[in-house]
Amino acid sequence: MDFVIGAVVGTVGAVVAAPVLLGAAGFTAAGIAAGSLAAQAMSVAAVANGGGVAAGSVVAVLQSAGAAGVSGAASAAVGAAAGLVNLIV
């Protein structure tokens, strides 16, 4: 049971921390912040891809997550984990 509770706490912590960490790296709702780690990653991705950032690339996915905040899937995962704890406890 301690494993399940630890897994739930870890999942909730990751979902809560993700938007903060993405924002700190420069993946924001307003776009990629100038001079940030995200801007450097975008530059590298664009050079490697001939001038644009490919859809589905790591940079594109992180920017999408940064713009959206906590996704519906992540919210559902937290809800499911909380429901599992309620069933066990």
PDB file of N, CA and C in Angstrom:
ATOM      1  N   MET A   1       0.822  -1.194   0.000  1.00  0.00           N
ATOM      2  CA  MET A   1       0.000   0.000   0.000  1.00  0.00           C
ATOM      3  C   MET A   1       0.868   1.260   0.000  1.00  0.00           C
ATOM      4  N   ASP A   2       2.020   1.209   0.667  1.00  0.00           N
ATOM      5  CA  ASP A   2       2.906   2.368   0.670  1.00  0.00           C
ATOM      6  C   ASP A   2       3.391   2.698  -0.739  1.00  0.00           C
ATOM      7  N   PHE A   3       3.590   1.645  -1.559  1.00  0.00           N
ATOM      8  CA  PHE A   3       4.018   1.854  -2.940  1.00  0.00           C
ATOM      9  C   PHE A   3       2.960   2.627  -3.731  1.00  0.00           C
ATOM     10  N   VAL A   4       1.701   2.252  -3.550  1.00  0.00           N
ATOM     11  CA  VAL A   4       0.608   2.916  -4.277  1.00  0.00           C
ATOM     12  C   VAL A   4       0.498   4.372  -3.856  1.00  0.00           C
ATOM     13  N   ILE A   5       0.575   4.617  -2.574  1.00  0.00           N
ATOM     14  CA  ILE A   5       0.486   5.998  -2.087  1.00  0.00           C
ATOM     15  C   ILE A   5       1.675   6.810  -2.599  1.00  0.00           C
ATOM     16  N   GLY A   6       2.859   6.199  -2.600  1.00  0.00           N
ATOM     17  CA  GLY A   6       4.042   6.878  -3.136  1.00  0.00           C
ATOM     18  C   GLY A   6       3.892   7.186  -4.614  1.00  0.00           C
ATOM     19  N   ALA A   7       3.327   6.232  -5.351  1.00  0.00           N
ATOM     20  CA  ALA A   7       3.111   6.447  -6.785  1.00  0.00           C
ATOM     21  C   ALA A   7       2.126   7.573  -7.026  1.00  0.00           C
ATOM     22  N   VAL A   8       1.075   7.625  -6.228  1.00  0.00           N
ATOM     23  CA  VAL A   8       0.068   8.686  -6.379  1.00  0.00           C
ATOM     24  C   VAL A   8       0.672  10.039  -6.041  1.00  0.00           C
ATOM     25  N   VAL A   9       1.411  10.092  -4.947  1.00  0.00           N
ATOM     26  CA  VAL A   9       2.053  11.360  -4.558  1.00  0.00           C
ATOM     27  C   VAL A   9       3.037  11.810  -5.640  1.00  0.00           C
ATOM     28  N   GLY A  10       3.791  10.869  -6.192  1.00  0.00           N
ATOM     29  CA  GLY A  10       4.725  11.208  -7.264  1.00  0.00           C
ATOM     30  C   GLY A  10       4.019  11.708  -8.508  1.00  0.00           C
ATOM     31  N   THR A  11       2.917  11.060  -8.869  1.00  0.00           N
ATOM     32  CA  THR A  11       2.143  11.475 -10.044  1.00  0.00           C
ATOM     33  C   THR A  11       1.573  12.866  -9.857  1.00  0.00           C
ATOM     34  N   VAL A  12       0.964  13.097  -8.715  1.00  0.00           N
ATOM     35  CA  VAL A  12       0.383  14.420  -8.434  1.00  0.00           C
ATOM     36  C   VAL A  12       1.482  15.477  -8.418  1.00  0.00           C
ATOM     37  N   GLY A  13       2.603  15.147  -7.794  1.00  0.00           N
ATOM     38  CA  GLY A  13       3.723  16.093  -7.747  1.00  0.00           C
ATOM     39  C   GLY A  13       4.241  16.439  -9.127  1.00  0.00           C
ATOM     40  N   ALA A  14       4.336  15.439  -9.994  1.00  0.00           N
ATOM     41  CA  ALA A  14       4.817  15.680 -11.359  1.00  0.00           C
ATOM     42  C   ALA A  14       3.857  16.560 -12.133  1.00  0.00           C
ATOM     43  N   VAL A  15       2.563  16.317 -11.972  1.00  0.00           N
ATOM     44  CA  VAL A  15       1.557  17.115 -12.692  1.00  0.00           C
ATOM     45  C   VAL A  15       1.565  18.556 -12.201  1.00  0.00           C
ATOM     46  N   VAL A  16       1.728  18.738 -10.903  1.00  0.00           N
ATOM     47  CA  VAL A  16       1.763  20.091 -10.342  1.00  0.00           C
ATOM     48  C   VAL A  16       3.057  20.798 -10.734  1.00  0.00           C
ATOM     49  N   ALA A  17       4.173  20.074 -10.736  1.00  0.00           N
ATOM     50  CA  ALA A  17       5.473  20.687 -11.015  1.00  0.00           C
ATOM     51  C   ALA A  17       5.699  20.965 -12.498  1.00  0.00           C
ATOM     52  N   ALA A  18       5.072  20.188 -13.365  1.00  0.00           N
ATOM     53  CA  ALA A  18       5.341  20.311 -14.804  1.00  0.00           C
ATOM     54  C   ALA A  18       5.148  21.724 -15.344  1.00  0.00           C
ATOM     55  N   PRO A  19       4.012  22.368 -15.097  1.00  0.00           N
ATOM     56  CA  PRO A  19       3.861  23.734 -15.641  1.00  0.00           C
ATOM     57  C   PRO A  19       4.899  24.717 -15.086  1.00  0.00           C
ATOM     58  N   VAL A  20       5.262  24.543 -13.830  1.00  0.00           N
ATOM     59  CA  VAL A  20       6.261  25.430 -13.223  1.00  0.00           C
ATOM     60  C   VAL A  20       7.621  25.227 -13.884  1.00  0.00           C
ATOM     61  N   LEU A  21       8.002  23.968 -14.058  1.00  0.00           N
ATOM     62  CA  LEU A  21       9.301  23.670 -14.671  1.00  0.00           C
ATOM     63  C   LEU A  21       9.339  24.087 -16.134  1.00  0.00           C
ATOM     64  N   LEU A  22       8.249  23.859 -16.860  1.00  0.00           N
ATOM     65  CA  LEU A  22       8.200  24.281 -18.258  1.00  0.00           C
ATOM     66  C   LEU A  22       8.318  25.795 -18.372  1.00  0.00           C
ATOM     67  N   GLY A  23       7.602  26.505 -17.519  1.00  0.00           N
ATOM     68  CA  GLY A  23       7.673  27.968 -17.524  1.00  0.00           C
ATOM     69  C   GLY A  23       9.063  28.474 -17.185  1.00  0.00           C
ATOM     70  N   ALA A  24       9.703  27.822 -16.216  1.00  0.00           N
ATOM     71  CA  ALA A  24      11.055  28.228 -15.828  1.00  0.00           C
ATOM     72  C   ALA A  24      12.051  27.999 -16.961  1.00  0.00           C
ATOM     73  N   ALA A  25      11.804  26.976 -17.764  1.00  0.00           N
ATOM     74  CA  ALA A  25      12.687  26.699 -18.905  1.00  0.00           C
ATOM     75  C   ALA A  25      12.402  27.613 -20.083  1.00  0.00           C
ATOM     76  N   GLY A  26      11.264  28.328 -20.055  1.00  0.00           N
ATOM     77  CA  GLY A  26      10.938  29.270 -21.122  1.00  0.00           C
ATOM     78  C   GLY A  26       9.804  28.845 -22.028  1.00  0.00           C
ATOM     79  N   PHE A  27       9.170  27.709 -21.746  1.00  0.00           N
ATOM     80  CA  PHE A  27       8.005  27.259 -22.520  1.00  0.00           C
ATOM     81  C   PHE A  27       6.762  27.833 -21.850  1.00  0.00           C
ATOM     82  N   THR A  28       6.301  29.001 -22.313  1.00  0.00           N
ATOM     83  CA  THR A  28       5.211  29.704 -21.643  1.00  0.00           C
ATOM     84  C   THR A  28       3.949  29.746 -22.498  1.00  0.00           C
ATOM     85  N   ALA A  29       2.861  30.175 -21.879  1.00  0.00           N
ATOM     86  CA  ALA A  29       1.586  30.308 -22.596  1.00  0.00           C
ATOM     87  C   ALA A  29       1.686  31.356 -23.700  1.00  0.00           C
ATOM     88  N   ALA A  30       2.570  32.319 -23.539  1.00  0.00           N
ATOM     89  CA  ALA A  30       2.731  33.382 -24.532  1.00  0.00           C
ATOM     90  C   ALA A  30       3.726  33.009 -25.627  1.00  0.00           C
ATOM     91  N   GLY A  31       4.339  31.843 -25.515  1.00  0.00           N
ATOM     92  CA  GLY A  31       5.338  31.409 -26.493  1.00  0.00           C
ATOM     93  C   GLY A  31       6.669  31.173 -25.818  1.00  0.00           C
ATOM     94  N   ILE A  32       7.668  30.915 -26.606  1.00  0.00           N
ATOM     95  CA  ILE A  32       8.996  30.649 -26.061  1.00  0.00           C
ATOM     96  C   ILE A  32       9.641  31.969 -25.657  1.00  0.00           C
ATOM     97  N   ALA A  33      10.119  32.023 -24.412  1.00  0.00           N
ATOM     98  CA  ALA A  33      10.693  33.251 -23.859  1.00  0.00           C
ATOM     99  C   ALA A  33      12.082  33.499 -24.445  1.00  0.00           C
ATOM    100  N   ALA A  34      12.316  34.717 -24.845  1.00  0.00           N
ATOM    101  CA  ALA A  34      13.613  35.099 -25.425  1.00  0.00           C
ATOM    102  C   ALA A  34      14.737  34.884 -24.422  1.00  0.00           C
ATOM    103  N   GLY A  35      15.854  34.346 -24.899  1.00  0.00           N
ATOM    104  CA  GLY A  35      17.022  34.166 -24.059  1.00  0.00           C
ATOM    105  C   GLY A  35      16.958  32.984 -23.108  1.00  0.00           C
ATOM    106  N   SER A  36      15.911  32.184 -23.194  1.00  0.00           N
ATOM    107  CA  SER A  36      15.726  31.070 -22.264  1.00  0.00           C
ATOM    108  C   SER A  36      16.324  29.778 -22.805  1.00  0.00           C
ATOM    109  N   LEU A  37      16.318  28.759 -21.975  1.00  0.00           N
ATOM    110  CA  LEU A  37      16.730  27.428 -22.400  1.00  0.00           C
ATOM    111  C   LEU A  37      15.842  26.948 -23.549  1.00  0.00           C
ATOM    112  N   ALA A  38      14.562  27.272 -23.479  1.00  0.00           N
ATOM    113  CA  ALA A  38      13.633  26.894 -24.552  1.00  0.00           C
ATOM    114  C   ALA A  38      14.023  27.561 -25.874  1.00  0.00           C
ATOM    115  N   ALA A  39      14.452  28.812 -25.808  1.00  0.00           N
ATOM    116  CA  ALA A  39      14.865  29.520 -27.023  1.00  0.00           C
ATOM    117  C   ALA A  39      16.107  28.874 -27.620  1.00  0.00           C
ATOM    118  N   GLN A  40      17.035  28.464 -26.767  1.00  0.00           N
ATOM    119  CA  GLN A  40      18.233  27.778 -27.258  1.00  0.00           C
ATOM    120  C   GLN A  40      17.853  26.451 -27.908  1.00  0.00           C
ATOM    121  N   ALA A  41      16.950  25.705 -27.268  1.00  0.00           N
ATOM    122  CA  ALA A  41      16.517  24.416 -27.815  1.00  0.00           C
ATOM    123  C   ALA A  41      15.799  24.614 -29.148  1.00  0.00           C
ATOM    124  N   MET A  42      14.986  25.659 -29.224  1.00  0.00           N
ATOM    125  CA  MET A  42      14.269  25.946 -30.466  1.00  0.00           C
ATOM    126  C   MET A  42      15.253  26.289 -31.580  1.00  0.00           C
ATOM    127  N   SER A  43      16.276  27.057 -31.267  1.00  0.00           N
ATOM    128  CA  SER A  43      17.284  27.431 -32.246  1.00  0.00           C
ATOM    129  C   SER A  43      18.011  26.199 -32.780  1.00  0.00           C
ATOM    130  N   VAL A  44      18.414  25.319 -31.882  1.00  0.00           N
ATOM    131  CA  VAL A  44      19.111  24.096 -32.284  1.00  0.00           C
ATOM    132  C   VAL A  44      18.199  23.234 -33.147  1.00  0.00           C
ATOM    133  N   ALA A  45      16.926  23.098 -32.742  1.00  0.00           N
ATOM    134  CA  ALA A  45      15.974  22.284 -33.506  1.00  0.00           C
ATOM    135  C   ALA A  45      15.735  22.876 -34.888  1.00  0.00           C
ATOM    136  N   ALA A  46      15.642  24.195 -34.968  1.00  0.00           N
ATOM    137  CA  ALA A  46      15.396  24.850 -36.252  1.00  0.00           C
ATOM    138  C   ALA A  46      16.591  24.690 -37.193  1.00  0.00           C
ATOM    139  N   VAL A  47      17.790  24.849 -36.674  1.00  0.00           N
ATOM    140  CA  VAL A  47      18.990  24.679 -37.507  1.00  0.00           C
ATOM    141  C   VAL A  47      19.080  23.244 -37.994  1.00  0.00           C
ATOM    142  N   ALA A  48      18.800  22.293 -37.117  1.00  0.00           N
ATOM    143  CA  ALA A  48      18.887  20.876 -37.485  1.00  0.00           C
ATOM    144  C   ALA A  48      17.818  20.478 -38.501  1.00  0.00           C
ATOM    145  N   ASN A  49      16.718  21.241 -38.525  1.00  0.00           N
ATOM    146  CA  ASN A  49      15.602  20.888 -39.406  1.00  0.00           C
ATOM    147  C   ASN A  49      15.501  21.816 -40.618  1.00  0.00           C
ATOM    148  N   GLY A  50      16.538  22.555 -40.911  1.00  0.00           N
ATOM    149  CA  GLY A  50      16.535  23.411 -42.091  1.00  0.00           C
ATOM    150  C   GLY A  50      15.745  24.692 -41.942  1.00  0.00           C
ATOM    151  N   GLY A  51      15.577  25.183 -40.737  1.00  0.00           N
ATOM    152  CA  GLY A  51      14.944  26.482 -40.535  1.00  0.00           C
ATOM    153  C   GLY A  51      13.626  26.481 -39.801  1.00  0.00           C
ATOM    154  N   GLY A  52      13.030  25.345 -39.567  1.00  0.00           N
ATOM    155  CA  GLY A  52      11.760  25.290 -38.844  1.00  0.00           C
ATOM    156  C   GLY A  52      11.794  24.227 -37.774  1.00  0.00           C
ATOM    157  N   VAL A  53      10.882  24.320 -36.860  1.00  0.00           N
ATOM    158  CA  VAL A  53      10.760  23.306 -35.810  1.00  0.00           C
ATOM    159  C   VAL A  53       9.696  22.311 -36.260  1.00  0.00           C
ATOM    160  N   ALA A  54      10.082  21.062 -36.346  1.00  0.00           N
ATOM    161  CA  ALA A  54       9.173  20.022 -36.835  1.00  0.00           C
ATOM    162  C   ALA A  54       8.045  19.756 -35.848  1.00  0.00           C
ATOM    163  N   ALA A  55       6.850  19.595 -36.381  1.00  0.00           N
ATOM    164  CA  ALA A  55       5.706  19.214 -35.546  1.00  0.00           C
ATOM    165  C   ALA A  55       5.997  17.863 -34.915  1.00  0.00           C
ATOM    166  N   GLY A  56       5.701  17.736 -33.638  1.00  0.00           N
ATOM    167  CA  GLY A  56       5.928  16.486 -32.939  1.00  0.00           C
ATOM    168  C   GLY A  56       7.319  16.343 -32.363  1.00  0.00           C
ATOM    169  N   SER A  57       8.187  17.320 -32.624  1.00  0.00           N
ATOM    170  CA  SER A  57       9.534  17.269 -32.049  1.00  0.00           C
ATOM    171  C   SER A  57       9.466  17.565 -30.555  1.00  0.00           C
ATOM    172  N   VAL A  58      10.557  17.314 -29.865  1.00  0.00           N
ATOM    173  CA  VAL A  58      10.593  17.552 -28.416  1.00  0.00           C
ATOM    174  C   VAL A  58      10.268  19.014 -28.111  1.00  0.00           C
ATOM    175  N   VAL A  59      10.866  19.928 -28.860  1.00  0.00           N
ATOM    176  CA  VAL A  59      10.625  21.358 -28.619  1.00  0.00           C
ATOM    177  C   VAL A  59       9.147  21.692 -28.851  1.00  0.00           C
ATOM    178  N   ALA A  60       8.571  21.173 -29.918  1.00  0.00           N
ATOM    179  CA  ALA A  60       7.165  21.452 -30.216  1.00  0.00           C
ATOM    180  C   ALA A  60       6.241  20.894 -29.147  1.00  0.00           C
ATOM    181  N   VAL A  61       6.524  19.696 -28.691  1.00  0.00           N
ATOM    182  CA  VAL A  61       5.685  19.072 -27.660  1.00  0.00           C
ATOM    183  C   VAL A  61       5.797  19.831 -26.340  1.00  0.00           C
ATOM    184  N   LEU A  62       7.024  20.210 -25.961  1.00  0.00           N
ATOM    185  CA  LEU A  62       7.195  20.967 -24.714  1.00  0.00           C
ATOM    186  C   LEU A  62       6.524  22.334 -24.795  1.00  0.00           C
ATOM    187  N   GLN A  63       6.612  22.997 -25.953  1.00  0.00           N
ATOM    188  CA  GLN A  63       5.945  24.294 -26.092  1.00  0.00           C
ATOM    189  C   GLN A  63       4.432  24.131 -26.011  1.00  0.00           C
ATOM    190  N   SER A  64       3.916  23.090 -26.618  1.00  0.00           N
ATOM    191  CA  SER A  64       2.487  22.827 -26.551  1.00  0.00           C
ATOM    192  C   SER A  64       2.050  22.610 -25.107  1.00  0.00           C
ATOM    193  N   ALA A  65       2.829  21.829 -24.373  1.00  0.00           N
ATOM    194  CA  ALA A  65       2.511  21.581 -22.962  1.00  0.00           C
ATOM    195  C   ALA A  65       2.636  22.859 -22.143  1.00  0.00           C
ATOM    196  N   GLY A  66       3.646  23.669 -22.431  1.00  0.00           N
ATOM    197  CA  GLY A  66       3.812  24.931 -21.709  1.00  0.00           C
ATOM    198  C   GLY A  66       2.669  25.890 -21.978  1.00  0.00           C
ATOM    199  N   ALA A  67       2.177  25.899 -23.202  1.00  0.00           N
ATOM    200  CA  ALA A  67       1.072  26.790 -23.558  1.00  0.00           C
ATOM    201  C   ALA A  67      -0.244  26.324 -22.961  1.00  0.00           C
ATOM    202  N   ALA A  68      -0.423  25.011 -22.872  1.00  0.00           N
ATOM    203  CA  ALA A  68      -1.693  24.459 -22.392  1.00  0.00           C
ATOM    204  C   ALA A  68      -1.757  24.335 -20.883  1.00  0.00           C
ATOM    205  N   GLY A  69      -0.618  24.308 -20.226  1.00  0.00           N
ATOM    206  CA  GLY A  69      -0.618  24.041 -18.792  1.00  0.00           C
ATOM    207  C   GLY A  69      -0.827  22.559 -18.555  1.00  0.00           C
ATOM    208  N   VAL A  70      -1.545  22.200 -17.533  1.00  0.00           N
ATOM    209  CA  VAL A  70      -1.810  20.788 -17.236  1.00  0.00           C
ATOM    210  C   VAL A  70      -2.829  20.279 -18.235  1.00  0.00           C
ATOM    211  N   SER A  71      -2.474  19.220 -18.946  1.00  0.00           N
ATOM    212  CA  SER A  71      -3.357  18.687 -19.980  1.00  0.00           C
ATOM    213  C   SER A  71      -4.518  17.910 -19.385  1.00  0.00           C
ATOM    214  N   GLY A  72      -5.501  17.661 -20.201  1.00  0.00           N
ATOM    215  CA  GLY A  72      -6.637  16.856 -19.783  1.00  0.00           C
ATOM    216  C   GLY A  72      -6.213  15.456 -19.399  1.00  0.00           C
ATOM    217  N   ALA A  73      -5.266  14.889 -20.134  1.00  0.00           N
ATOM    218  CA  ALA A  73      -4.792  13.534 -19.824  1.00  0.00           C
ATOM    219  C   ALA A  73      -4.105  13.505 -18.466  1.00  0.00           C
ATOM    220  N   ALA A  74      -3.318  14.533 -18.179  1.00  0.00           N
ATOM    221  CA  ALA A  74      -2.640  14.579 -16.887  1.00  0.00           C
ATOM    222  C   ALA A  74      -3.652  14.747 -15.763  1.00  0.00           C
ATOM    223  N   SER A  75      -4.647  15.577 -15.979  1.00  0.00           N
ATOM    224  CA  SER A  75      -5.692  15.752 -14.966  1.00  0.00           C
ATOM    225  C   SER A  75      -6.447  14.452 -14.736  1.00  0.00           C
ATOM    226  N   ALA A  76      -6.719  13.726 -15.805  1.00  0.00           N
ATOM    227  CA  ALA A  76      -7.404  12.439 -15.683  1.00  0.00           C
ATOM    228  C   ALA A  76      -6.543  11.442 -14.919  1.00  0.00           C
ATOM    229  N   ALA A  77      -5.243  11.467 -15.163  1.00  0.00           N
ATOM    230  CA  ALA A  77      -4.344  10.555 -14.452  1.00  0.00           C
ATOM    231  C   ALA A  77      -4.339  10.842 -12.964  1.00  0.00           C
ATOM    232  N   VAL A  78      -4.330  12.117 -12.607  1.00  0.00           N
ATOM    233  CA  VAL A  78      -4.372  12.477 -11.188  1.00  0.00           C
ATOM    234  C   VAL A  78      -5.696  12.045 -10.568  1.00  0.00           C
ATOM    235  N   GLY A  79      -6.779  12.264 -11.275  1.00  0.00           N
ATOM    236  CA  GLY A  79      -8.088  11.841 -10.765  1.00  0.00           C
ATOM    237  C   GLY A  79      -8.174  10.343 -10.594  1.00  0.00           C
ATOM    238  N   ALA A  80      -7.651   9.592 -11.547  1.00  0.00           N
ATOM    239  CA  ALA A  80      -7.666   8.132 -11.460  1.00  0.00           C
ATOM    240  C   ALA A  80      -6.813   7.655 -10.301  1.00  0.00           C
ATOM    241  N   ALA A  81      -5.659   8.274 -10.123  1.00  0.00           N
ATOM    242  CA  ALA A  81      -4.786   7.882  -9.020  1.00  0.00           C
ATOM    243  C   ALA A  81      -5.436   8.181  -7.674  1.00  0.00           C
ATOM    244  N   ALA A  82      -6.089   9.323  -7.575  1.00  0.00           N
ATOM    245  CA  ALA A  82      -6.781   9.665  -6.328  1.00  0.00           C
ATOM    246  C   ALA A  82      -7.928   8.686  -6.063  1.00  0.00           C
ATOM    247  N   GLY A  83      -8.638   8.295  -7.107  1.00  0.00           N
ATOM    248  CA  GLY A  83      -9.705   7.315  -6.952  1.00  0.00           C
ATOM    249  C   GLY A  83      -9.180   5.963  -6.505  1.00  0.00           C
ATOM    250  N   LEU A  84      -8.024   5.566  -7.024  1.00  0.00           N
ATOM    251  CA  LEU A  84      -7.401   4.309  -6.634  1.00  0.00           C
ATOM    252  C   LEU A  84      -7.045   4.309  -5.157  1.00  0.00           C
ATOM    253  N   VAL A  85      -6.488   5.425  -4.674  1.00  0.00           N
ATOM    254  CA  VAL A  85      -6.153   5.531  -3.258  1.00  0.00           C
ATOM    255  C   VAL A  85      -7.413   5.426  -2.405  1.00  0.00           C
ATOM    256  N   ASN A  86      -8.491   6.062  -2.835  1.00  0.00           N
ATOM    257  CA  ASN A  86      -9.742   5.983  -2.076  1.00  0.00           C
ATOM    258  C   ASN A  86     -10.259   4.563  -2.001  1.00  0.00           C
ATOM    259  N   LEU A  87     -10.089   3.783  -3.069  1.00  0.00           N
ATOM    260  CA  LEU A  87     -10.533   2.391  -3.054  1.00  0.00           C
ATOM    261  C   LEU A  87      -9.691   1.545  -2.115  1.00  0.00           C
ATOM    262  N   ILE A  88      -8.391   1.811  -2.083  1.00  0.00           N
ATOM    263  CA  ILE A  88      -7.485   1.010  -1.253  1.00  0.00           C
ATOM    264  C   ILE A  88      -7.597   1.382   0.204  1.00  0.00           C
ATOM    265  N   VAL A  89      -7.683   2.674   0.471  1.00  0.00           N
ATOM    266  CA  VAL A  89      -7.712   3.150   1.866  1.00  0.00           C
ATOM    267  C   VAL A  89      -9.101   3.103   2.351  1.00  0.00           C
TER     268      VAL A  89
END
